């Protein structure tokens, strides 16, 4: 199993990982109910505030959205098509674009910095470009994207195995209770 402590970790600016971009609001009166996730600055539901049928120039997938306002600094990875409001910023990873596992890893690293921000100290585009997060690095001095992917894959496989064990045990308990 991959271990977080067997790698060298270094601070890394978000701007070195990809381009930070702003969202654009779809105001309440403009929103049409639909199936497209509309990402807001929430702390739950992967930041999804609404489902709309509107599209704007933020319509995208495979990016990390992080909150500029409200739950400032929390980040979520969005592998699905969605639109994003102005209370969020997004980051496409240059070297691991649309990689679910690396996206989840980096989103977690961004979220770990959320205590540095507040309503009066927002995470706008300028501050986000300067934000440093801790990442594992290769011996060549580059972010270790392969390690990040492997680590999250292993973690997800472990969680899936735990869940399958729970489901198997619960089905056995239910069947025993009903004499099937």
N, C-alpha and C. Protein backbone atom coordinates (compact mmCIF):
# COMPACT_ATOMS: atom_id res chain seq x y z
N UNK A 1 0.85 -1.19 0.00
CA UNK A 1 0.00 0.00 0.00
C UNK A 1 0.88 1.24 0.00
N UNK A 2 0.49 2.23 -0.78
CA UNK A 2 1.21 3.50 -0.83
C UNK A 2 1.06 4.20 0.52
N UNK A 3 2.14 4.82 0.94
CA UNK A 3 2.13 5.55 2.21
C UNK A 3 2.47 7.01 1.97
N UNK A 4 1.73 7.88 2.63
CA UNK A 4 1.96 9.31 2.46
C UNK A 4 3.31 9.76 2.99
N UNK A 5 3.83 9.04 3.98
CA UNK A 5 5.08 9.47 4.60
C UNK A 5 6.34 8.90 3.93
N UNK A 6 6.19 8.18 2.83
CA UNK A 6 7.39 7.68 2.15
C UNK A 6 7.75 8.52 0.92
N UNK A 7 7.22 9.71 0.87
CA UNK A 7 7.50 10.65 -0.21
C UNK A 7 7.98 11.97 0.38
N UNK A 8 8.74 12.71 -0.41
CA UNK A 8 9.11 14.06 -0.01
C UNK A 8 7.96 14.99 -0.41
N UNK A 9 7.52 15.82 0.51
CA UNK A 9 6.45 16.77 0.27
C UNK A 9 7.03 18.17 0.21
N UNK A 10 6.52 18.96 -0.72
CA UNK A 10 6.99 20.34 -0.88
C UNK A 10 5.79 21.25 -1.14
N UNK A 11 5.95 22.53 -0.80
CA UNK A 11 4.89 23.48 -1.16
C UNK A 11 4.89 23.71 -2.67
N UNK A 12 3.70 23.88 -3.20
CA UNK A 12 3.53 24.03 -4.65
C UNK A 12 2.44 25.08 -4.89
N UNK A 13 2.74 26.10 -5.68
CA UNK A 13 1.73 27.13 -6.00
C UNK A 13 0.68 26.56 -6.94
N UNK A 14 -0.58 26.94 -6.69
CA UNK A 14 -1.65 26.50 -7.57
C UNK A 14 -1.39 26.93 -9.01
N UNK A 15 -0.86 28.13 -9.18
CA UNK A 15 -0.61 28.65 -10.54
C UNK A 15 0.39 27.80 -11.31
N UNK A 16 1.21 27.01 -10.61
CA UNK A 16 2.15 26.13 -11.31
C UNK A 16 1.50 24.83 -11.74
N UNK A 17 0.29 24.56 -11.23
CA UNK A 17 -0.41 23.32 -11.56
C UNK A 17 -1.37 23.49 -12.73
N UNK A 18 -1.79 24.72 -12.99
CA UNK A 18 -2.74 24.99 -14.07
C UNK A 18 -3.27 26.39 -13.95
N UNK A 19 -4.21 26.72 -14.80
CA UNK A 19 -4.79 28.07 -14.84
C UNK A 19 -5.99 28.17 -13.91
N UNK A 20 -5.99 29.18 -13.05
CA UNK A 20 -7.11 29.46 -12.16
C UNK A 20 -8.07 30.39 -12.89
N UNK A 21 -9.36 30.02 -12.93
CA UNK A 21 -10.37 30.82 -13.63
C UNK A 21 -11.56 31.10 -12.73
N UNK A 22 -12.25 32.18 -13.02
CA UNK A 22 -13.44 32.58 -12.25
C UNK A 22 -14.69 31.90 -12.80
N UNK A 23 -15.67 31.76 -11.91
CA UNK A 23 -16.99 31.31 -12.34
C UNK A 23 -17.81 32.50 -12.82
N UNK A 24 -19.04 32.22 -13.20
CA UNK A 24 -19.96 33.29 -13.63
C UNK A 24 -21.36 32.89 -13.19
N UNK A 25 -21.99 33.79 -12.47
CA UNK A 25 -23.29 33.50 -11.89
C UNK A 25 -24.39 33.31 -12.93
N UNK A 26 -25.31 32.43 -12.59
CA UNK A 26 -26.61 32.35 -13.24
C UNK A 26 -27.58 32.72 -12.12
N UNK A 27 -28.09 33.93 -12.18
CA UNK A 27 -28.91 34.45 -11.09
C UNK A 27 -30.23 33.69 -10.97
N UNK A 28 -30.81 33.73 -9.78
CA UNK A 28 -32.02 32.95 -9.46
C UNK A 28 -33.12 33.13 -10.50
N UNK A 29 -33.36 34.37 -10.94
CA UNK A 29 -34.43 34.60 -11.90
C UNK A 29 -34.11 34.04 -13.29
N UNK A 30 -32.84 33.81 -13.57
CA UNK A 30 -32.42 33.27 -14.87
C UNK A 30 -32.39 31.75 -14.88
N UNK A 31 -32.30 31.13 -13.71
CA UNK A 31 -32.14 29.67 -13.63
C UNK A 31 -33.37 28.93 -14.12
N UNK A 32 -33.12 27.92 -14.94
CA UNK A 32 -34.16 27.03 -15.41
C UNK A 32 -33.84 25.65 -14.84
N UNK A 33 -34.80 25.03 -14.18
CA UNK A 33 -34.57 23.70 -13.62
C UNK A 33 -34.14 22.73 -14.71
N UNK A 34 -33.17 21.87 -14.37
CA UNK A 34 -32.68 20.91 -15.34
C UNK A 34 -31.77 19.88 -14.70
N UNK A 35 -30.86 19.33 -15.49
CA UNK A 35 -29.99 18.24 -15.04
C UNK A 35 -28.52 18.62 -14.92
N UNK A 36 -28.16 19.86 -15.22
CA UNK A 36 -26.77 20.28 -15.19
C UNK A 36 -26.42 20.78 -13.78
N UNK A 37 -25.44 20.16 -13.12
CA UNK A 37 -25.05 20.66 -11.79
C UNK A 37 -24.53 22.09 -11.88
N UNK A 38 -25.01 22.94 -10.97
CA UNK A 38 -24.57 24.32 -10.86
C UNK A 38 -23.77 24.41 -9.56
N UNK A 39 -22.46 24.63 -9.71
CA UNK A 39 -21.55 24.60 -8.58
C UNK A 39 -21.56 25.96 -7.89
N UNK A 40 -21.80 25.94 -6.57
CA UNK A 40 -21.81 27.15 -5.76
C UNK A 40 -20.75 26.99 -4.67
N UNK A 41 -20.72 27.92 -3.73
CA UNK A 41 -19.69 27.86 -2.69
C UNK A 41 -20.18 27.12 -1.45
N UNK A 42 -20.80 26.00 -1.64
CA UNK A 42 -21.30 25.22 -0.52
C UNK A 42 -20.28 24.25 0.02
N UNK A 43 -20.58 23.70 1.18
CA UNK A 43 -19.68 22.74 1.81
C UNK A 43 -20.20 21.31 1.70
N UNK A 44 -21.36 21.13 1.10
CA UNK A 44 -21.96 19.81 0.98
C UNK A 44 -22.30 19.51 -0.48
N UNK A 45 -22.60 18.26 -0.74
CA UNK A 45 -23.05 17.82 -2.07
C UNK A 45 -22.05 18.18 -3.18
N UNK A 46 -20.77 18.09 -2.86
CA UNK A 46 -19.71 18.37 -3.83
C UNK A 46 -19.80 19.80 -4.36
N UNK A 47 -20.40 20.69 -3.56
CA UNK A 47 -20.53 22.09 -3.96
C UNK A 47 -21.70 22.37 -4.89
N UNK A 48 -22.51 21.35 -5.18
CA UNK A 48 -23.64 21.53 -6.08
C UNK A 48 -24.77 22.22 -5.32
N UNK A 49 -25.18 23.39 -5.82
CA UNK A 49 -26.25 24.13 -5.18
C UNK A 49 -27.59 23.92 -5.85
N UNK A 50 -27.57 23.71 -7.17
CA UNK A 50 -28.79 23.57 -7.96
C UNK A 50 -28.51 22.67 -9.15
N UNK A 51 -29.59 22.26 -9.79
CA UNK A 51 -29.50 21.60 -11.10
C UNK A 51 -30.25 22.48 -12.07
N UNK A 52 -29.58 22.88 -13.13
CA UNK A 52 -30.15 23.85 -14.06
C UNK A 52 -30.15 23.30 -15.48
N UNK A 53 -30.83 24.02 -16.34
CA UNK A 53 -30.81 23.71 -17.77
C UNK A 53 -30.09 24.82 -18.52
N UNK A 54 -29.47 25.75 -17.77
CA UNK A 54 -28.73 26.85 -18.35
C UNK A 54 -27.27 26.45 -18.56
N UNK A 55 -26.66 27.01 -19.60
CA UNK A 55 -25.22 26.87 -19.80
C UNK A 55 -24.65 28.26 -19.97
N UNK A 56 -23.42 28.44 -19.50
CA UNK A 56 -22.70 29.68 -19.77
C UNK A 56 -21.25 29.31 -20.11
N UNK A 57 -20.37 30.28 -20.15
CA UNK A 57 -19.00 29.99 -20.56
C UNK A 57 -18.20 29.19 -19.53
N UNK A 58 -18.81 28.85 -18.39
CA UNK A 58 -18.12 28.00 -17.42
C UNK A 58 -18.46 26.52 -17.61
N UNK A 59 -19.32 26.21 -18.57
CA UNK A 59 -19.73 24.81 -18.81
C UNK A 59 -18.48 23.98 -19.11
N UNK A 60 -18.21 23.00 -18.24
CA UNK A 60 -16.93 22.31 -18.29
C UNK A 60 -17.01 21.03 -17.47
N UNK A 61 -15.95 20.24 -17.56
CA UNK A 61 -15.82 19.05 -16.71
C UNK A 61 -14.34 18.78 -16.48
N UNK A 62 -14.05 17.92 -15.51
CA UNK A 62 -12.67 17.53 -15.24
C UNK A 62 -11.86 18.62 -14.57
N UNK A 63 -12.47 19.37 -13.68
CA UNK A 63 -11.78 20.46 -13.01
C UNK A 63 -12.01 20.41 -11.50
N UNK A 64 -11.16 21.13 -10.79
CA UNK A 64 -11.31 21.31 -9.36
C UNK A 64 -11.95 22.68 -9.15
N UNK A 65 -13.06 22.72 -8.44
CA UNK A 65 -13.68 23.99 -8.06
C UNK A 65 -13.39 24.21 -6.59
N UNK A 66 -13.02 25.44 -6.25
CA UNK A 66 -12.82 25.77 -4.84
C UNK A 66 -13.55 27.06 -4.52
N UNK A 67 -14.01 27.13 -3.28
CA UNK A 67 -14.88 28.22 -2.85
C UNK A 67 -14.10 29.50 -2.59
N UNK A 68 -14.59 30.59 -3.15
CA UNK A 68 -14.04 31.92 -2.92
C UNK A 68 -14.76 32.56 -1.74
N UNK A 69 -15.97 32.14 -1.48
CA UNK A 69 -16.86 32.77 -0.51
C UNK A 69 -17.49 31.67 0.35
N UNK A 70 -18.25 32.05 1.35
CA UNK A 70 -18.96 31.15 2.28
C UNK A 70 -18.03 30.10 2.87
N UNK A 71 -18.02 28.88 2.39
CA UNK A 71 -17.14 27.82 2.90
C UNK A 71 -15.78 27.97 2.20
N UNK A 72 -15.12 29.09 2.46
CA UNK A 72 -13.94 29.51 1.70
C UNK A 72 -12.83 28.47 1.76
N UNK A 73 -12.31 28.13 0.59
CA UNK A 73 -11.16 27.23 0.49
C UNK A 73 -11.50 25.77 0.30
N UNK A 74 -12.74 25.38 0.55
CA UNK A 74 -13.10 23.98 0.31
C UNK A 74 -13.08 23.72 -1.19
N UNK A 75 -12.58 22.55 -1.56
CA UNK A 75 -12.42 22.22 -2.97
C UNK A 75 -13.05 20.87 -3.28
N UNK A 76 -13.58 20.76 -4.49
CA UNK A 76 -14.21 19.52 -4.95
C UNK A 76 -13.80 19.27 -6.39
N UNK A 77 -13.66 18.00 -6.75
CA UNK A 77 -13.34 17.64 -8.12
C UNK A 77 -14.65 17.32 -8.86
N UNK A 78 -14.78 17.82 -10.09
CA UNK A 78 -16.00 17.63 -10.88
C UNK A 78 -15.67 16.92 -12.20
N UNK A 79 -15.84 15.59 -12.26
CA UNK A 79 -15.57 14.87 -13.50
C UNK A 79 -16.71 14.97 -14.51
N UNK A 80 -17.85 15.50 -14.09
CA UNK A 80 -19.05 15.58 -14.92
C UNK A 80 -19.21 17.01 -15.44
N UNK A 81 -20.00 17.14 -16.51
CA UNK A 81 -20.29 18.47 -17.07
C UNK A 81 -21.08 19.26 -16.05
N UNK A 82 -20.70 20.52 -15.85
CA UNK A 82 -21.36 21.39 -14.89
C UNK A 82 -21.07 22.84 -15.24
N UNK A 83 -21.78 23.75 -14.57
CA UNK A 83 -21.51 25.18 -14.65
C UNK A 83 -21.17 25.66 -13.25
N UNK A 84 -20.54 26.82 -13.17
CA UNK A 84 -19.99 27.26 -11.91
C UNK A 84 -20.29 28.74 -11.68
N UNK A 85 -20.77 29.06 -10.46
CA UNK A 85 -21.06 30.44 -10.10
C UNK A 85 -19.80 31.22 -9.74
N UNK A 86 -19.96 32.53 -9.59
CA UNK A 86 -18.83 33.42 -9.33
C UNK A 86 -18.24 33.28 -7.93
N UNK A 87 -18.91 32.61 -7.02
CA UNK A 87 -18.35 32.39 -5.69
C UNK A 87 -17.34 31.26 -5.68
N UNK A 88 -17.02 30.73 -6.85
CA UNK A 88 -16.04 29.65 -6.97
C UNK A 88 -14.96 30.04 -7.98
N UNK A 89 -13.85 29.36 -7.84
CA UNK A 89 -12.78 29.44 -8.83
C UNK A 89 -12.52 28.01 -9.27
N UNK A 90 -11.97 27.86 -10.49
CA UNK A 90 -11.68 26.49 -10.95
C UNK A 90 -10.24 26.38 -11.41
N UNK A 91 -9.78 25.15 -11.36
CA UNK A 91 -8.42 24.83 -11.75
C UNK A 91 -8.44 23.56 -12.58
N UNK A 92 -7.96 23.65 -13.81
CA UNK A 92 -7.68 22.47 -14.61
C UNK A 92 -6.21 22.15 -14.41
N UNK A 93 -5.91 20.92 -14.06
CA UNK A 93 -4.51 20.52 -13.87
C UNK A 93 -3.84 20.34 -15.23
N UNK A 94 -2.76 21.04 -15.46
CA UNK A 94 -2.06 20.97 -16.76
C UNK A 94 -1.52 19.58 -17.05
N UNK A 95 -0.95 18.94 -16.04
CA UNK A 95 -0.27 17.66 -16.26
C UNK A 95 -1.15 16.44 -16.01
N UNK A 96 -2.28 16.62 -15.40
CA UNK A 96 -3.16 15.48 -15.08
C UNK A 96 -4.61 15.87 -15.36
N UNK A 97 -4.84 16.54 -16.46
CA UNK A 97 -6.16 17.03 -16.79
C UNK A 97 -7.17 15.89 -16.88
N UNK A 98 -8.31 16.07 -16.24
CA UNK A 98 -9.41 15.11 -16.21
C UNK A 98 -9.04 13.77 -15.59
N UNK A 99 -7.99 13.73 -14.77
CA UNK A 99 -7.64 12.51 -14.04
C UNK A 99 -8.38 12.57 -12.70
N UNK A 100 -9.40 11.74 -12.56
CA UNK A 100 -10.24 11.72 -11.37
C UNK A 100 -9.42 11.59 -10.09
N UNK A 101 -8.47 10.67 -10.08
CA UNK A 101 -7.73 10.34 -8.86
C UNK A 101 -6.80 11.48 -8.45
N UNK A 102 -6.09 12.05 -9.40
CA UNK A 102 -5.22 13.18 -9.09
C UNK A 102 -6.07 14.39 -8.72
N UNK A 103 -7.19 14.58 -9.40
CA UNK A 103 -8.09 15.68 -9.08
C UNK A 103 -8.59 15.60 -7.64
N UNK A 104 -8.96 14.41 -7.21
CA UNK A 104 -9.42 14.23 -5.82
C UNK A 104 -8.30 14.51 -4.83
N UNK A 105 -7.08 14.06 -5.15
CA UNK A 105 -5.94 14.27 -4.27
C UNK A 105 -5.65 15.76 -4.12
N UNK A 106 -5.56 16.47 -5.25
CA UNK A 106 -5.23 17.90 -5.22
C UNK A 106 -6.37 18.69 -4.56
N UNK A 107 -7.62 18.33 -4.82
CA UNK A 107 -8.75 19.00 -4.18
C UNK A 107 -8.65 18.88 -2.66
N UNK A 108 -8.25 17.72 -2.18
CA UNK A 108 -8.08 17.53 -0.74
C UNK A 108 -6.96 18.41 -0.21
N UNK A 109 -5.86 18.50 -0.96
CA UNK A 109 -4.74 19.34 -0.54
C UNK A 109 -5.16 20.81 -0.47
N UNK A 110 -5.98 21.26 -1.41
CA UNK A 110 -6.48 22.64 -1.39
C UNK A 110 -7.38 22.83 -0.17
N UNK A 111 -8.29 21.89 0.06
CA UNK A 111 -9.21 21.98 1.19
C UNK A 111 -8.48 22.05 2.53
N UNK A 112 -7.33 21.44 2.60
CA UNK A 112 -6.56 21.46 3.85
C UNK A 112 -6.06 22.87 4.18
N UNK A 113 -6.10 23.78 3.22
CA UNK A 113 -5.70 25.17 3.45
C UNK A 113 -6.88 26.07 3.82
N UNK A 114 -8.08 25.50 3.88
CA UNK A 114 -9.29 26.32 4.05
C UNK A 114 -9.30 27.11 5.36
N UNK A 115 -8.62 26.66 6.37
CA UNK A 115 -8.58 27.38 7.66
C UNK A 115 -7.86 28.71 7.53
N UNK A 116 -7.12 28.90 6.45
CA UNK A 116 -6.38 30.16 6.22
C UNK A 116 -7.28 31.27 5.70
N UNK A 117 -8.54 30.95 5.40
CA UNK A 117 -9.43 31.91 4.77
C UNK A 117 -10.69 32.12 5.60
N UNK A 118 -11.37 33.21 5.32
CA UNK A 118 -12.61 33.53 6.03
C UNK A 118 -13.44 34.45 5.13
N UNK A 119 -14.59 34.89 5.64
CA UNK A 119 -15.43 35.79 4.87
C UNK A 119 -14.69 37.08 4.54
N UNK A 120 -13.85 37.54 5.47
CA UNK A 120 -13.12 38.79 5.23
C UNK A 120 -11.78 38.54 4.52
N UNK A 121 -11.40 37.30 4.36
CA UNK A 121 -10.17 36.95 3.63
C UNK A 121 -10.53 35.86 2.62
N UNK A 122 -11.11 36.30 1.51
CA UNK A 122 -11.63 35.39 0.50
C UNK A 122 -10.52 34.80 -0.35
N UNK A 123 -10.86 33.74 -1.05
CA UNK A 123 -9.91 33.07 -1.94
C UNK A 123 -10.26 33.41 -3.38
N UNK A 124 -9.97 34.66 -3.77
CA UNK A 124 -10.19 35.10 -5.13
C UNK A 124 -9.08 34.60 -6.05
N UNK A 125 -9.15 35.00 -7.30
CA UNK A 125 -8.20 34.52 -8.31
C UNK A 125 -6.76 34.89 -7.97
N UNK A 126 -6.51 36.13 -7.57
CA UNK A 126 -5.16 36.56 -7.24
C UNK A 126 -4.57 35.77 -6.09
N UNK A 127 -5.33 35.64 -5.02
CA UNK A 127 -4.86 34.88 -3.85
C UNK A 127 -4.72 33.39 -4.18
N UNK A 128 -5.62 32.87 -5.00
CA UNK A 128 -5.55 31.45 -5.39
C UNK A 128 -4.28 31.17 -6.19
N UNK A 129 -3.92 32.07 -7.09
CA UNK A 129 -2.70 31.86 -7.87
C UNK A 129 -1.46 31.80 -7.00
N UNK A 130 -1.48 32.51 -5.88
CA UNK A 130 -0.33 32.52 -4.96
C UNK A 130 -0.40 31.42 -3.91
N UNK A 131 -1.58 30.81 -3.76
CA UNK A 131 -1.78 29.78 -2.73
C UNK A 131 -0.81 28.63 -2.92
N UNK A 132 -0.18 28.23 -1.83
CA UNK A 132 0.71 27.07 -1.88
C UNK A 132 0.05 25.91 -1.13
N UNK A 133 0.08 24.76 -1.77
CA UNK A 133 -0.43 23.54 -1.14
C UNK A 133 0.72 22.55 -1.06
N UNK A 134 0.63 21.63 -0.15
CA UNK A 134 1.66 20.61 0.01
C UNK A 134 1.32 19.41 -0.86
N UNK A 135 2.30 18.99 -1.67
CA UNK A 135 2.13 17.83 -2.55
C UNK A 135 3.37 16.95 -2.49
N UNK A 136 3.21 15.66 -2.78
CA UNK A 136 4.38 14.78 -2.88
C UNK A 136 5.12 15.07 -4.19
N UNK A 137 6.43 14.99 -4.14
CA UNK A 137 7.27 15.28 -5.31
C UNK A 137 8.12 14.08 -5.68
N UNK A 138 8.48 14.00 -6.95
CA UNK A 138 9.38 12.96 -7.44
C UNK A 138 10.82 13.36 -7.13
N UNK A 139 11.74 12.43 -7.33
CA UNK A 139 13.16 12.73 -7.15
C UNK A 139 13.63 13.78 -8.16
N UNK A 140 12.91 13.90 -9.27
CA UNK A 140 13.27 14.88 -10.31
C UNK A 140 12.74 16.28 -9.98
N UNK A 141 12.04 16.41 -8.84
CA UNK A 141 11.56 17.73 -8.42
C UNK A 141 10.23 18.15 -9.02
N UNK A 142 9.44 17.22 -9.49
CA UNK A 142 8.12 17.51 -10.06
C UNK A 142 7.03 16.90 -9.18
N UNK A 143 5.82 17.49 -9.19
CA UNK A 143 4.73 16.85 -8.45
C UNK A 143 4.57 15.39 -8.90
N UNK A 144 4.41 14.50 -7.95
CA UNK A 144 4.36 13.06 -8.24
C UNK A 144 2.91 12.64 -8.52
N UNK A 145 2.48 12.93 -9.75
CA UNK A 145 1.10 12.63 -10.14
C UNK A 145 0.80 11.14 -10.10
N UNK A 146 1.76 10.31 -10.46
CA UNK A 146 1.53 8.86 -10.44
C UNK A 146 1.28 8.37 -9.02
N UNK A 147 2.05 8.87 -8.07
CA UNK A 147 1.83 8.51 -6.67
C UNK A 147 0.44 8.95 -6.22
N UNK A 148 0.06 10.20 -6.57
CA UNK A 148 -1.26 10.71 -6.17
C UNK A 148 -2.36 9.81 -6.72
N UNK A 149 -2.24 9.43 -7.99
CA UNK A 149 -3.24 8.55 -8.60
C UNK A 149 -3.28 7.19 -7.92
N UNK A 150 -2.11 6.60 -7.72
CA UNK A 150 -2.05 5.27 -7.09
C UNK A 150 -2.63 5.31 -5.68
N UNK A 151 -2.31 6.34 -4.92
CA UNK A 151 -2.78 6.45 -3.55
C UNK A 151 -4.31 6.51 -3.49
N UNK A 152 -4.91 7.35 -4.31
CA UNK A 152 -6.38 7.48 -4.30
C UNK A 152 -7.04 6.21 -4.83
N UNK A 153 -6.46 5.59 -5.86
CA UNK A 153 -7.01 4.32 -6.37
C UNK A 153 -7.03 3.27 -5.26
N UNK A 154 -5.93 3.16 -4.52
CA UNK A 154 -5.85 2.19 -3.43
C UNK A 154 -6.86 2.50 -2.33
N UNK A 155 -6.97 3.77 -1.98
CA UNK A 155 -7.91 4.19 -0.95
C UNK A 155 -9.35 3.86 -1.36
N UNK A 156 -9.69 4.13 -2.63
CA UNK A 156 -11.04 3.83 -3.11
C UNK A 156 -11.30 2.33 -3.16
N UNK A 157 -10.31 1.55 -3.54
CA UNK A 157 -10.47 0.09 -3.58
C UNK A 157 -10.69 -0.45 -2.16
N UNK A 158 -9.96 0.10 -1.20
CA UNK A 158 -10.11 -0.31 0.19
C UNK A 158 -11.51 0.03 0.71
N UNK A 159 -11.99 1.23 0.41
CA UNK A 159 -13.34 1.63 0.84
C UNK A 159 -14.41 0.77 0.17
N UNK A 160 -14.21 0.43 -1.10
CA UNK A 160 -15.16 -0.42 -1.80
C UNK A 160 -15.22 -1.80 -1.15
N UNK A 161 -14.08 -2.34 -0.79
CA UNK A 161 -14.01 -3.65 -0.14
C UNK A 161 -14.72 -3.61 1.22
N UNK A 162 -14.50 -2.54 1.99
CA UNK A 162 -15.17 -2.39 3.28
C UNK A 162 -16.69 -2.31 3.10
N UNK A 163 -17.12 -1.57 2.10
CA UNK A 163 -18.55 -1.43 1.83
C UNK A 163 -19.15 -2.77 1.41
N UNK A 164 -18.47 -3.51 0.55
CA UNK A 164 -18.98 -4.81 0.13
C UNK A 164 -19.09 -5.76 1.31
N UNK A 165 -18.14 -5.72 2.23
CA UNK A 165 -18.20 -6.54 3.44
C UNK A 165 -19.40 -6.17 4.30
N UNK A 166 -19.63 -4.88 4.43
CA UNK A 166 -20.78 -4.40 5.20
C UNK A 166 -22.08 -4.87 4.56
N UNK A 167 -22.20 -4.72 3.26
CA UNK A 167 -23.43 -5.12 2.56
C UNK A 167 -23.66 -6.62 2.71
N UNK A 168 -22.62 -7.41 2.55
CA UNK A 168 -22.75 -8.87 2.68
C UNK A 168 -23.22 -9.23 4.09
N UNK A 169 -22.63 -8.60 5.11
CA UNK A 169 -23.02 -8.87 6.49
C UNK A 169 -24.46 -8.44 6.75
N UNK A 170 -24.85 -7.29 6.23
CA UNK A 170 -26.20 -6.76 6.45
C UNK A 170 -27.24 -7.63 5.77
N UNK A 171 -26.96 -8.11 4.56
CA UNK A 171 -27.89 -9.01 3.87
C UNK A 171 -28.06 -10.30 4.66
N UNK A 172 -26.96 -10.84 5.18
CA UNK A 172 -27.03 -12.06 5.99
C UNK A 172 -27.90 -11.83 7.24
N UNK A 173 -27.73 -10.67 7.88
CA UNK A 173 -28.54 -10.35 9.06
C UNK A 173 -30.02 -10.23 8.71
N UNK A 174 -30.33 -9.57 7.60
CA UNK A 174 -31.72 -9.41 7.19
C UNK A 174 -32.36 -10.74 6.83
N UNK A 175 -31.60 -11.59 6.14
CA UNK A 175 -32.14 -12.90 5.77
C UNK A 175 -32.37 -13.77 7.01
N UNK A 176 -31.48 -13.69 8.00
CA UNK A 176 -31.62 -14.47 9.22
C UNK A 176 -32.86 -14.02 9.99
N UNK A 177 -33.13 -12.73 9.96
CA UNK A 177 -34.28 -12.19 10.69
C UNK A 177 -35.61 -12.60 10.09
N UNK A 178 -35.62 -12.93 8.81
CA UNK A 178 -36.87 -13.21 8.10
C UNK A 178 -37.01 -14.68 7.67
N UNK A 179 -36.11 -15.55 8.05
CA UNK A 179 -36.18 -16.98 7.74
C UNK A 179 -36.38 -17.25 6.26
N UNK A 180 -35.55 -16.65 5.40
CA UNK A 180 -35.64 -16.91 3.95
C UNK A 180 -34.92 -18.18 3.61
